[in-house]
Amino acid sequence: MLTLRCAQRASRHLIAAIACASQPASESISTRYPATEPLSLAAWGTVAFKPVLQTAQYSKAAKKGGKKVATPPAASSSSTEDFDMGSTRQCMEHALQHLQKELSSIRTGRATAGMLDHLKVEVYGDSMPMKACGMATVRDPQLLVFNVFDPQTLHSVENAIRDSPLGLNPRVEGQDLLIPVPRPTAETLTALKRVCKTEGEQAKVTIRQCRKAALDEVKKVTAEDERFRLEKEVQEVTSSFVAQVDALVAAKEKSITQHTA
């Protein structure tokens, strides 16, 4: 403010001096020096005041910040808000729900519409879920009927069912497969338990993939203590879901052994 006032006061004196000099004594300055024109107030303000005002602005910044004239705002660091544990839990929960659905389709001693859902069929050079190749219906407790969507895949579906560990022997009838479901033998029960273990391992793989995705996000947290805490929490949640998978598989195996599945 002091600098600005001094500049304004100096400009008034200079303008007065220019005005006096421009008054003719015997002849005007413009007559003697045609190229010389009195400097107007507007021109003086444009030329003289801008550097002064800029200097005043920077000097204020210097007073506020000491030696540093201007400091850019610091970039915000990562925090726990960047990581969502809820999405990790949801990812693992989906894997658990899928396992429950697959285990519920494994039955012993009676036909169910979903008992073939976990099987894969090799068609058109690719592996497809059984339920994508057709629809199963229960004709009676000991007979399952599978209707294929594409007649060209009929024998591929037949082979997939016959080669499965379920111990089933389908036969072709038109565009359908008739699948008798016999009373379970010891070998059949053992095969069903293997299917349960396979489904459980697939669920664990999905859960570990969820954990890896979560840990990749945790690595972005800059605070070391917070990062370690989140890593520990992710591992605890993972261990909890893995334990639930083991419990579901064990319960299903027990029901198969007792012929209650």
C-alpha atoms as a PDB file:
ATOM      1  CA  MET A   1       0.000   0.000   0.000  1.00  0.00           C
ATOM      2  CA  LEU A   2       2.854   2.391   0.836  1.00  0.00           C
ATOM      3  CA  THR A   3       4.525   1.701  -2.491  1.00  0.00           C
ATOM      4  CA  LEU A   4       1.286   2.389  -4.349  1.00  0.00           C
ATOM      5  CA  ARG A   5       0.760   5.727  -2.577  1.00  0.00           C
ATOM      6  CA  CYS A   6       4.333   6.811  -3.304  1.00  0.00           C
ATOM      7  CA  ALA A   7       3.862   5.941  -6.959  1.00  0.00           C
ATOM      8  CA  GLN A   8       0.607   7.920  -7.143  1.00  0.00           C
ATOM      9  CA  ARG A   9       2.222  10.961  -5.449  1.00  0.00           C
ATOM     10  CA  ALA A  10       5.219  10.822  -7.820  1.00  0.00           C
ATOM     11  CA  SER A  11       2.901  10.630 -10.810  1.00  0.00           C
ATOM     12  CA  ARG A  12       1.037  13.802  -9.760  1.00  0.00           C
ATOM     13  CA  HIS A  13       4.313  15.762  -9.497  1.00  0.00           C
ATOM     14  CA  LEU A  14       5.480  14.488 -12.859  1.00  0.00           C
ATOM     15  CA  ILE A  15       2.179  15.313 -14.545  1.00  0.00           C
ATOM     16  CA  ALA A  16       2.351  18.838 -13.121  1.00  0.00           C
ATOM     17  CA  ALA A  17       5.905  19.232 -14.390  1.00  0.00           C
ATOM     18  CA  ILE A  18       4.912  18.035 -17.843  1.00  0.00           C
ATOM     19  CA  ALA A  19       1.986  20.451 -17.869  1.00  0.00           C
ATOM     20  CA  CYS A  20       4.240  23.388 -16.973  1.00  0.00           C
ATOM     21  CA  ALA A  21       6.799  22.441 -19.561  1.00  0.00           C
ATOM     22  CA  SER A  22       4.129  22.218 -22.202  1.00  0.00           C
ATOM     23  CA  GLN A  23       3.045  25.869 -21.681  1.00  0.00           C
ATOM     24  CA  PRO A  24       4.695  28.111 -24.359  1.00  0.00           C
ATOM     25  CA  ALA A  25       7.143  30.758 -23.100  1.00  0.00           C
ATOM     26  CA  SER A  26       7.951  32.222 -26.442  1.00  0.00           C
ATOM     27  CA  GLU A  27       6.948  29.184 -28.523  1.00  0.00           C
ATOM     28  CA  SER A  28       5.475  25.800 -27.668  1.00  0.00           C
ATOM     29  CA  ILE A  29       7.550  22.671 -27.293  1.00  0.00           C
ATOM     30  CA  SER A  30       5.430  21.054 -29.967  1.00  0.00           C
ATOM     31  CA  THR A  31       6.380  23.836 -32.357  1.00  0.00           C
ATOM     32  CA  ARG A  32      10.103  23.548 -31.679  1.00  0.00           C
ATOM     33  CA  TYR A  33       9.999  19.782 -31.421  1.00  0.00           C
ATOM     34  CA  PRO A  34       7.169  18.559 -33.666  1.00  0.00           C
ATOM     35  CA  ALA A  35       7.754  14.876 -32.794  1.00  0.00           C
ATOM     36  CA  THR A  36       7.342  15.558 -29.087  1.00  0.00           C
ATOM     37  CA  GLU A  37       3.794  15.230 -27.662  1.00  0.00           C
ATOM     38  CA  PRO A  38       2.813  15.864 -24.058  1.00  0.00           C
ATOM     39  CA  LEU A  39       2.443  12.525 -22.184  1.00  0.00           C
ATOM     40  CA  SER A  40      -1.204  11.973 -21.265  1.00  0.00           C
ATOM     41  CA  LEU A  41      -2.358  10.674 -17.875  1.00  0.00           C
ATOM     42  CA  ALA A  42      -3.785   7.549 -19.474  1.00  0.00           C
ATOM     43  CA  ALA A  43      -0.483   6.753 -21.172  1.00  0.00           C
ATOM     44  CA  TRP A  44       1.441   7.450 -17.950  1.00  0.00           C
ATOM     45  CA  GLY A  45      -0.802   5.110 -16.006  1.00  0.00           C
ATOM     46  CA  THR A  46      -0.297   2.366 -18.577  1.00  0.00           C
ATOM     47  CA  VAL A  47       3.481   2.667 -18.645  1.00  0.00           C
ATOM     48  CA  ALA A  48       4.355   3.612 -15.106  1.00  0.00           C
ATOM     49  CA  PHE A  49       1.803   2.014 -12.805  1.00  0.00           C
ATOM     50  CA  LYS A  50       1.745  -1.583 -13.968  1.00  0.00           C
ATOM     51  CA  PRO A  51       5.304  -2.437 -12.889  1.00  0.00           C
ATOM     52  CA  VAL A  52       4.719  -0.708  -9.561  1.00  0.00           C
ATOM     53  CA  LEU A  53       1.473  -2.579  -8.901  1.00  0.00           C
ATOM     54  CA  GLN A  54       3.070  -5.899  -9.812  1.00  0.00           C
ATOM     55  CA  THR A  55       6.002  -5.180  -7.524  1.00  0.00           C
ATOM     56  CA  ALA A  56       3.579  -4.397  -4.708  1.00  0.00           C
ATOM     57  CA  GLN A  57       1.719  -7.659  -5.242  1.00  0.00           C
ATOM     58  CA  TYR A  58       4.849  -9.753  -5.125  1.00  0.00           C
ATOM     59  CA  SER A  59       6.204  -7.911  -2.128  1.00  0.00           C
ATOM     60  CA  LYS A  60       2.997  -8.740  -0.243  1.00  0.00           C
ATOM     61  CA  ALA A  61       3.417 -12.387  -1.112  1.00  0.00           C
ATOM     62  CA  ALA A  62       6.996 -12.213   0.079  1.00  0.00           C
ATOM     63  CA  LYS A  63       5.938 -10.728   3.447  1.00  0.00           C
ATOM     64  CA  LYS A  64       3.389 -13.447   4.036  1.00  0.00           C
ATOM     65  CA  GLY A  65       5.628 -16.329   3.076  1.00  0.00           C
ATOM     66  CA  GLY A  66       9.028 -15.035   4.187  1.00  0.00           C
ATOM     67  CA  LYS A  67      11.693 -15.837   1.633  1.00  0.00           C
ATOM     68  CA  LYS A  68       9.362 -18.028  -0.434  1.00  0.00           C
ATOM     69  CA  VAL A  69       7.285 -15.863  -2.750  1.00  0.00           C
ATOM     70  CA  ALA A  70       4.828 -18.523  -3.913  1.00  0.00           C
ATOM     71  CA  THR A  71       4.356 -22.142  -2.903  1.00  0.00           C
ATOM     72  CA  PRO A  72       2.188 -24.504  -5.001  1.00  0.00           C
ATOM     73  CA  PRO A  73      -0.402 -26.496  -3.045  1.00  0.00           C
ATOM     74  CA  ALA A  74       0.861 -29.861  -1.961  1.00  0.00           C
ATOM     75  CA  ALA A  75      -0.643 -32.860  -3.727  1.00  0.00           C
ATOM     76  CA  SER A  76      -3.113 -34.761  -1.566  1.00  0.00           C
ATOM     77  CA  SER A  77      -1.802 -38.092  -0.382  1.00  0.00           C
ATOM     78  CA  SER A  78      -3.674 -41.388  -0.546  1.00  0.00           C
ATOM     79  CA  SER A  79      -5.873 -42.308   2.395  1.00  0.00           C
ATOM     80  CA  THR A  80      -8.146 -45.113   3.481  1.00  0.00           C
ATOM     81  CA  GLU A  81     -10.908 -43.450   1.431  1.00  0.00           C
ATOM     82  CA  ASP A  82      -9.105 -44.712  -1.685  1.00  0.00           C
ATOM     83  CA  PHE A  83      -9.687 -48.326  -0.595  1.00  0.00           C
ATOM     84  CA  ASP A  84     -13.111 -49.884  -0.160  1.00  0.00           C
ATOM     85  CA  MET A  85     -13.154 -53.049   1.967  1.00  0.00           C
ATOM     86  CA  GLY A  86     -16.865 -53.405   1.244  1.00  0.00           C
ATOM     87  CA  SER A  87     -16.231 -54.161  -2.446  1.00  0.00           C
ATOM     88  CA  THR A  88     -13.677 -56.818  -1.461  1.00  0.00           C
ATOM     89  CA  ARG A  89     -16.172 -58.501   0.845  1.00  0.00           C
ATOM     90  CA  GLN A  90     -18.818 -58.365  -1.878  1.00  0.00           C
ATOM     91  CA  CYS A  91     -16.454 -60.003  -4.371  1.00  0.00           C
ATOM     92  CA  MET A  92     -15.743 -62.865  -1.965  1.00  0.00           C
ATOM     93  CA  GLU A  93     -19.417 -63.168  -1.032  1.00  0.00           C
ATOM     94  CA  HIS A  94     -20.305 -63.736  -4.677  1.00  0.00           C
ATOM     95  CA  ALA A  95     -17.805 -66.611  -4.825  1.00  0.00           C
ATOM     96  CA  LEU A  96     -19.373 -68.137  -1.704  1.00  0.00           C
ATOM     97  CA  GLN A  97     -22.904 -67.808  -3.068  1.00  0.00           C
ATOM     98  CA  HIS A  98     -21.876 -69.461  -6.329  1.00  0.00           C
ATOM     99  CA  LEU A  99     -20.372 -72.372  -4.386  1.00  0.00           C
ATOM    100  CA  GLN A 100     -23.580 -72.798  -2.383  1.00  0.00           C
ATOM    101  CA  LYS A 101     -25.576 -72.949  -5.613  1.00  0.00           C
ATOM    102  CA  GLU A 102     -23.247 -75.522  -7.165  1.00  0.00           C
ATOM    103  CA  LEU A 103     -23.215 -77.744  -4.072  1.00  0.00           C
ATOM    104  CA  SER A 104     -26.993 -77.646  -3.817  1.00  0.00           C
ATOM    105  CA  SER A 105     -27.232 -79.130  -7.320  1.00  0.00           C
ATOM    106  CA  ILE A 106     -25.242 -82.220  -6.291  1.00  0.00           C
ATOM    107  CA  ARG A 107     -27.782 -84.836  -5.238  1.00  0.00           C
ATOM    108  CA  THR A 108     -27.622 -88.538  -4.454  1.00  0.00           C
ATOM    109  CA  GLY A 109     -30.231 -91.178  -5.180  1.00  0.00           C
ATOM    110  CA  ARG A 110     -32.781 -88.945  -6.955  1.00  0.00           C
ATOM    111  CA  ALA A 111     -32.949 -86.813 -10.090  1.00  0.00           C
ATOM    112  CA  THR A 112     -32.803 -83.017  -9.842  1.00  0.00           C
ATOM    113  CA  ALA A 113     -32.901 -80.413 -12.595  1.00  0.00           C
ATOM    114  CA  GLY A 114     -29.588 -78.860 -11.561  1.00  0.00           C
ATOM    115  CA  MET A 115     -27.539 -81.996 -10.946  1.00  0.00           C
ATOM    116  CA  LEU A 116     -25.693 -81.566 -14.278  1.00  0.00           C
ATOM    117  CA  ASP A 117     -25.069 -77.817 -14.070  1.00  0.00           C
ATOM    118  CA  HIS A 118     -21.465 -78.146 -12.887  1.00  0.00           C
ATOM    119  CA  LEU A 119     -20.466 -80.276 -15.898  1.00  0.00           C
ATOM    120  CA  LYS A 120     -18.611 -78.880 -18.933  1.00  0.00           C
ATOM    121  CA  VAL A 121     -19.220 -79.838 -22.573  1.00  0.00           C
ATOM    122  CA  GLU A 122     -16.633 -79.666 -25.356  1.00  0.00           C
ATOM    123  CA  VAL A 123     -18.452 -78.177 -28.348  1.00  0.00           C
ATOM    124  CA  TYR A 124     -17.210 -76.181 -31.332  1.00  0.00           C
ATOM    125  CA  GLY A 125     -13.660 -76.323 -29.967  1.00  0.00           C
ATOM    126  CA  ASP A 126     -14.658 -74.662 -26.715  1.00  0.00           C
ATOM    127  CA  SER A 127     -15.733 -75.700 -23.210  1.00  0.00           C
ATOM    128  CA  MET A 128     -19.277 -74.649 -22.339  1.00  0.00           C
ATOM    129  CA  PRO A 129     -21.413 -75.102 -19.204  1.00  0.00           C
ATOM    130  CA  MET A 130     -23.949 -77.916 -19.492  1.00  0.00           C
ATOM    131  CA  LYS A 131     -26.828 -75.512 -18.811  1.00  0.00           C
ATOM    132  CA  ALA A 132     -25.783 -73.461 -21.863  1.00  0.00           C
ATOM    133  CA  CYS A 133     -26.285 -76.505 -24.092  1.00  0.00           C
ATOM    134  CA  GLY A 134     -29.797 -77.482 -23.067  1.00  0.00           C
ATOM    135  CA  MET A 135     -32.442 -77.760 -20.344  1.00  0.00           C
ATOM    136  CA  ALA A 136     -32.902 -80.552 -17.813  1.00  0.00           C
ATOM    137  CA  THR A 137     -36.267 -81.625 -16.413  1.00  0.00           C
ATOM    138  CA  VAL A 138     -37.229 -84.312 -13.913  1.00  0.00           C
ATOM    139  CA  ARG A 139     -39.628 -86.917 -15.318  1.00  0.00           C
ATOM    140  CA  ASP A 140     -39.653 -88.974 -12.107  1.00  0.00           C
ATOM    141  CA  PRO A 141     -37.381 -89.300  -9.027  1.00  0.00           C
ATOM    142  CA  GLN A 142     -35.122 -91.743 -10.877  1.00  0.00           C
ATOM    143  CA  LEU A 143     -35.156 -90.269 -14.387  1.00  0.00           C
ATOM    144  CA  LEU A 144     -33.753 -86.993 -15.722  1.00  0.00           C
ATOM    145  CA  VAL A 145     -34.478 -85.729 -19.248  1.00  0.00           C
ATOM    146  CA  PHE A 146     -32.070 -83.345 -20.953  1.00  0.00           C
ATOM    147  CA  ASN A 147     -33.237 -81.499 -24.068  1.00  0.00           C
ATOM    148  CA  VAL A 148     -30.371 -80.027 -26.139  1.00  0.00           C
ATOM    149  CA  PHE A 149     -30.758 -76.656 -27.844  1.00  0.00           C
ATOM    150  CA  ASP A 150     -28.652 -77.634 -30.857  1.00  0.00           C
ATOM    151  CA  PRO A 151     -29.040 -81.201 -32.229  1.00  0.00           C
ATOM    152  CA  GLN A 152     -25.431 -81.105 -33.438  1.00  0.00           C
ATOM    153  CA  THR A 153     -24.228 -80.989 -29.830  1.00  0.00           C
ATOM    154  CA  LEU A 154     -26.304 -84.002 -28.731  1.00  0.00           C
ATOM    155  CA  HIS A 155     -23.480 -86.548 -28.750  1.00  0.00           C
ATOM    156  CA  SER A 156     -21.029 -84.108 -27.147  1.00  0.00           C
ATOM    157  CA  VAL A 157     -23.484 -83.602 -24.261  1.00  0.00           C
ATOM    158  CA  GLU A 158     -24.027 -87.376 -24.050  1.00  0.00           C
ATOM    159  CA  ASN A 159     -20.281 -88.013 -23.755  1.00  0.00           C
ATOM    160  CA  ALA A 160     -19.846 -85.279 -21.145  1.00  0.00           C
ATOM    161  CA  ILE A 161     -22.520 -86.858 -18.940  1.00  0.00           C
ATOM    162  CA  ARG A 162     -21.219 -90.399 -19.399  1.00  0.00           C
ATOM    163  CA  ASP A 163     -17.595 -89.385 -18.685  1.00  0.00           C
ATOM    164  CA  SER A 164     -18.502 -87.386 -15.566  1.00  0.00           C
ATOM    165  CA  PRO A 165     -17.831 -88.782 -12.074  1.00  0.00           C
ATOM    166  CA  LEU A 166     -21.601 -89.017 -11.462  1.00  0.00           C
ATOM    167  CA  GLY A 167     -21.777 -92.574 -12.772  1.00  0.00           C
ATOM    168  CA  LEU A 168     -24.677 -91.866 -15.155  1.00  0.00           C
ATOM    169  CA  ASN A 169     -25.460 -93.693 -18.399  1.00  0.00           C
ATOM    170  CA  PRO A 170     -27.602 -91.528 -20.713  1.00  0.00           C
ATOM    171  CA  ARG A 171     -29.362 -92.798 -23.807  1.00  0.00           C
ATOM    172  CA  VAL A 172     -30.519 -90.854 -26.849  1.00  0.00           C
ATOM    173  CA  GLU A 173     -34.209 -90.494 -27.646  1.00  0.00           C
ATOM    174  CA  GLY A 174     -34.812 -88.101 -30.534  1.00  0.00           C
ATOM    175  CA  GLN A 175     -33.374 -84.727 -29.498  1.00  0.00           C
ATOM    176  CA  ASP A 176     -33.462 -85.688 -25.812  1.00  0.00           C
ATOM    177  CA  LEU A 177     -31.166 -87.568 -23.506  1.00  0.00           C
ATOM    178  CA  LEU A 178     -32.846 -89.882 -20.994  1.00  0.00           C
ATOM    179  CA  ILE A 179     -30.663 -90.178 -17.919  1.00  0.00           C
ATOM    180  CA  PRO A 180     -31.562 -92.823 -15.311  1.00  0.00           C
ATOM    181  CA  VAL A 181     -30.405 -91.873 -11.825  1.00  0.00           C
ATOM    182  CA  PRO A 182     -29.535 -95.083  -9.972  1.00  0.00           C
ATOM    183  CA  ARG A 183     -29.295 -95.580  -6.274  1.00  0.00           C
ATOM    184  CA  PRO A 184     -25.859 -94.388  -5.164  1.00  0.00           C
ATOM    185  CA  THR A 185     -23.048 -96.878  -4.766  1.00  0.00           C
ATOM    186  CA  ALA A 186     -19.889 -96.412  -2.746  1.00  0.00           C
ATOM    187  CA  GLU A 187     -18.055 -95.420  -5.921  1.00  0.00           C
ATOM    188  CA  THR A 188     -20.737 -92.877  -6.802  1.00  0.00           C
ATOM    189  CA  LEU A 189     -20.562 -91.307  -3.359  1.00  0.00           C
ATOM    190  CA  THR A 190     -16.775 -91.028  -3.594  1.00  0.00           C
ATOM    191  CA  ALA A 191     -17.079 -89.382  -7.019  1.00  0.00           C
ATOM    192  CA  LEU A 192     -19.624 -86.880  -5.690  1.00  0.00           C
ATOM    193  CA  LYS A 193     -17.295 -85.947  -2.852  1.00  0.00           C
ATOM    194  CA  ARG A 194     -14.559 -85.258  -5.397  1.00  0.00           C
ATOM    195  CA  VAL A 195     -16.939 -82.956  -7.245  1.00  0.00           C
ATOM    196  CA  CYS A 196     -17.586 -81.087  -3.984  1.00  0.00           C
ATOM    197  CA  LYS A 197     -13.865 -80.633  -3.376  1.00  0.00           C
ATOM    198  CA  THR A 198     -13.349 -79.385  -6.935  1.00  0.00           C
ATOM    199  CA  GLU A 199     -16.108 -76.796  -6.552  1.00  0.00           C
ATOM    200  CA  GLY A 200     -14.594 -75.709  -3.226  1.00  0.00           C
ATOM    201  CA  GLU A 201     -11.152 -75.217  -4.768  1.00  0.00           C
ATOM    202  CA  GLN A 202     -12.620 -73.136  -7.575  1.00  0.00           C
ATOM    203  CA  ALA A 203     -14.332 -70.911  -5.001  1.00  0.00           C
ATOM    204  CA  LYS A 204     -11.020 -70.465  -3.154  1.00  0.00           C
ATOM    205  CA  VAL A 205      -9.304 -69.441  -6.397  1.00  0.00           C
ATOM    206  CA  THR A 206     -11.931 -66.741  -6.922  1.00  0.00           C
ATOM    207  CA  ILE A 207     -11.559 -65.533  -3.321  1.00  0.00           C
ATOM    208  CA  ARG A 208      -7.772 -65.274  -3.709  1.00  0.00           C
ATOM    209  CA  GLN A 209      -8.259 -63.278  -6.890  1.00  0.00           C
ATOM    210  CA  CYS A 210     -10.436 -60.872  -4.896  1.00  0.00           C
ATOM    211  CA  ARG A 211      -7.665 -60.640  -2.295  1.00  0.00           C
ATOM    212  CA  LYS A 212      -5.022 -59.866  -4.929  1.00  0.00           C
ATOM    213  CA  ALA A 213      -7.161 -57.080  -6.396  1.00  0.00           C
ATOM    214  CA  ALA A 214      -7.639 -55.625  -2.906  1.00  0.00           C
ATOM    215  CA  LEU A 215      -3.921 -55.734  -2.064  1.00  0.00           C
ATOM    216  CA  ASP A 216      -3.101 -53.984  -5.335  1.00  0.00           C
ATOM    217  CA  GLU A 217      -5.305 -51.103  -4.177  1.00  0.00           C
ATOM    218  CA  VAL A 218      -3.827 -51.126  -0.678  1.00  0.00           C
ATOM    219  CA  LYS A 219      -0.338 -50.613  -2.150  1.00  0.00           C
ATOM    220  CA  LYS A 220      -1.459 -47.143  -3.274  1.00  0.00           C
ATOM    221  CA  VAL A 221      -1.898 -46.005   0.348  1.00  0.00           C
ATOM    222  CA  THR A 222       1.151 -43.886   1.197  1.00  0.00           C
ATOM    223  CA  ALA A 223       0.999 -44.110   4.998  1.00  0.00           C
ATOM    224  CA  GLU A 224       3.034 -47.184   5.907  1.00  0.00           C
ATOM    225  CA  ASP A 225       1.237 -47.968   9.181  1.00  0.00           C
ATOM    226  CA  GLU A 226      -2.165 -47.642   7.514  1.00  0.00           C
ATOM    227  CA  ARG A 227      -1.041 -49.814   4.612  1.00  0.00           C
ATOM    228  CA  PHE A 228       0.087 -52.597   6.959  1.00  0.00           C
ATOM    229  CA  ARG A 229      -3.206 -52.390   8.857  1.00  0.00           C
ATOM    230  CA  LEU A 230      -5.237 -52.713   5.661  1.00  0.00           C
ATOM    231  CA  GLU A 231      -3.127 -55.619   4.403  1.00  0.00           C
ATOM    232  CA  LYS A 232      -3.765 -57.438   7.674  1.00  0.00           C
ATOM    233  CA  GLU A 233      -7.488 -56.745   7.453  1.00  0.00           C
ATOM    234  CA  VAL A 234      -7.658 -58.049   3.868  1.00  0.00           C
ATOM    235  CA  GLN A 235      -5.911 -61.259   4.920  1.00  0.00           C
ATOM    236  CA  GLU A 236      -8.273 -61.721   7.869  1.00  0.00           C
ATOM    237  CA  VAL A 237     -11.314 -61.316   5.624  1.00  0.00           C
ATOM    238  CA  THR A 238      -9.812 -63.764   3.104  1.00  0.00           C
ATOM    239  CA  SER A 239      -9.139 -66.365   5.786  1.00  0.00           C
ATOM    240  CA  SER A 240     -12.714 -66.000   7.033  1.00  0.00           C
ATOM    241  CA  PHE A 241     -14.196 -66.696   3.601  1.00  0.00           C
ATOM    242  CA  VAL A 242     -11.828 -69.612   2.942  1.00  0.00           C
ATOM    243  CA  ALA A 243     -12.946 -71.134   6.245  1.00  0.00           C
ATOM    244  CA  GLN A 244     -16.580 -70.757   5.163  1.00  0.00           C
ATOM    245  CA  VAL A 245     -15.778 -72.577   1.912  1.00  0.00           C
ATOM    246  CA  ASP A 246     -14.216 -75.465   3.833  1.00  0.00           C
ATOM    247  CA  ALA A 247     -17.254 -75.624   6.130  1.00  0.00           C
ATOM    248  CA  LEU A 248     -19.696 -75.762   3.191  1.00  0.00           C
ATOM    249  CA  VAL A 249     -17.743 -78.508   1.436  1.00  0.00           C
ATOM    250  CA  ALA A 250     -17.411 -80.552   4.635  1.00  0.00           C
ATOM    251  CA  ALA A 251     -21.149 -80.264   5.339  1.00  0.00           C
ATOM    252  CA  LYS A 252     -21.995 -81.374   1.785  1.00  0.00           C
ATOM    253  CA  GLU A 253     -19.628 -84.333   1.963  1.00  0.00           C
ATOM    254  CA  LYS A 254     -21.234 -85.387   5.234  1.00  0.00           C
ATOM    255  CA  SER A 255     -24.723 -85.213   3.723  1.00  0.00           C
ATOM    256  CA  ILE A 256     -23.556 -87.307   0.748  1.00  0.00           C
ATOM    257  CA  THR A 257     -22.115 -89.940   3.057  1.00  0.00           C
ATOM    258  CA  GLN A 258     -25.402 -90.082   4.970  1.00  0.00           C
ATOM    259  CA  HIS A 259     -27.443 -90.166   1.712  1.00  0.00           C
ATOM    260  CA  THR A 260     -29.299 -87.005   2.748  1.00  0.00           C
ATOM    261  CA  ALA A 261     -28.041 -84.773  -0.072  1.00  0.00           C
END
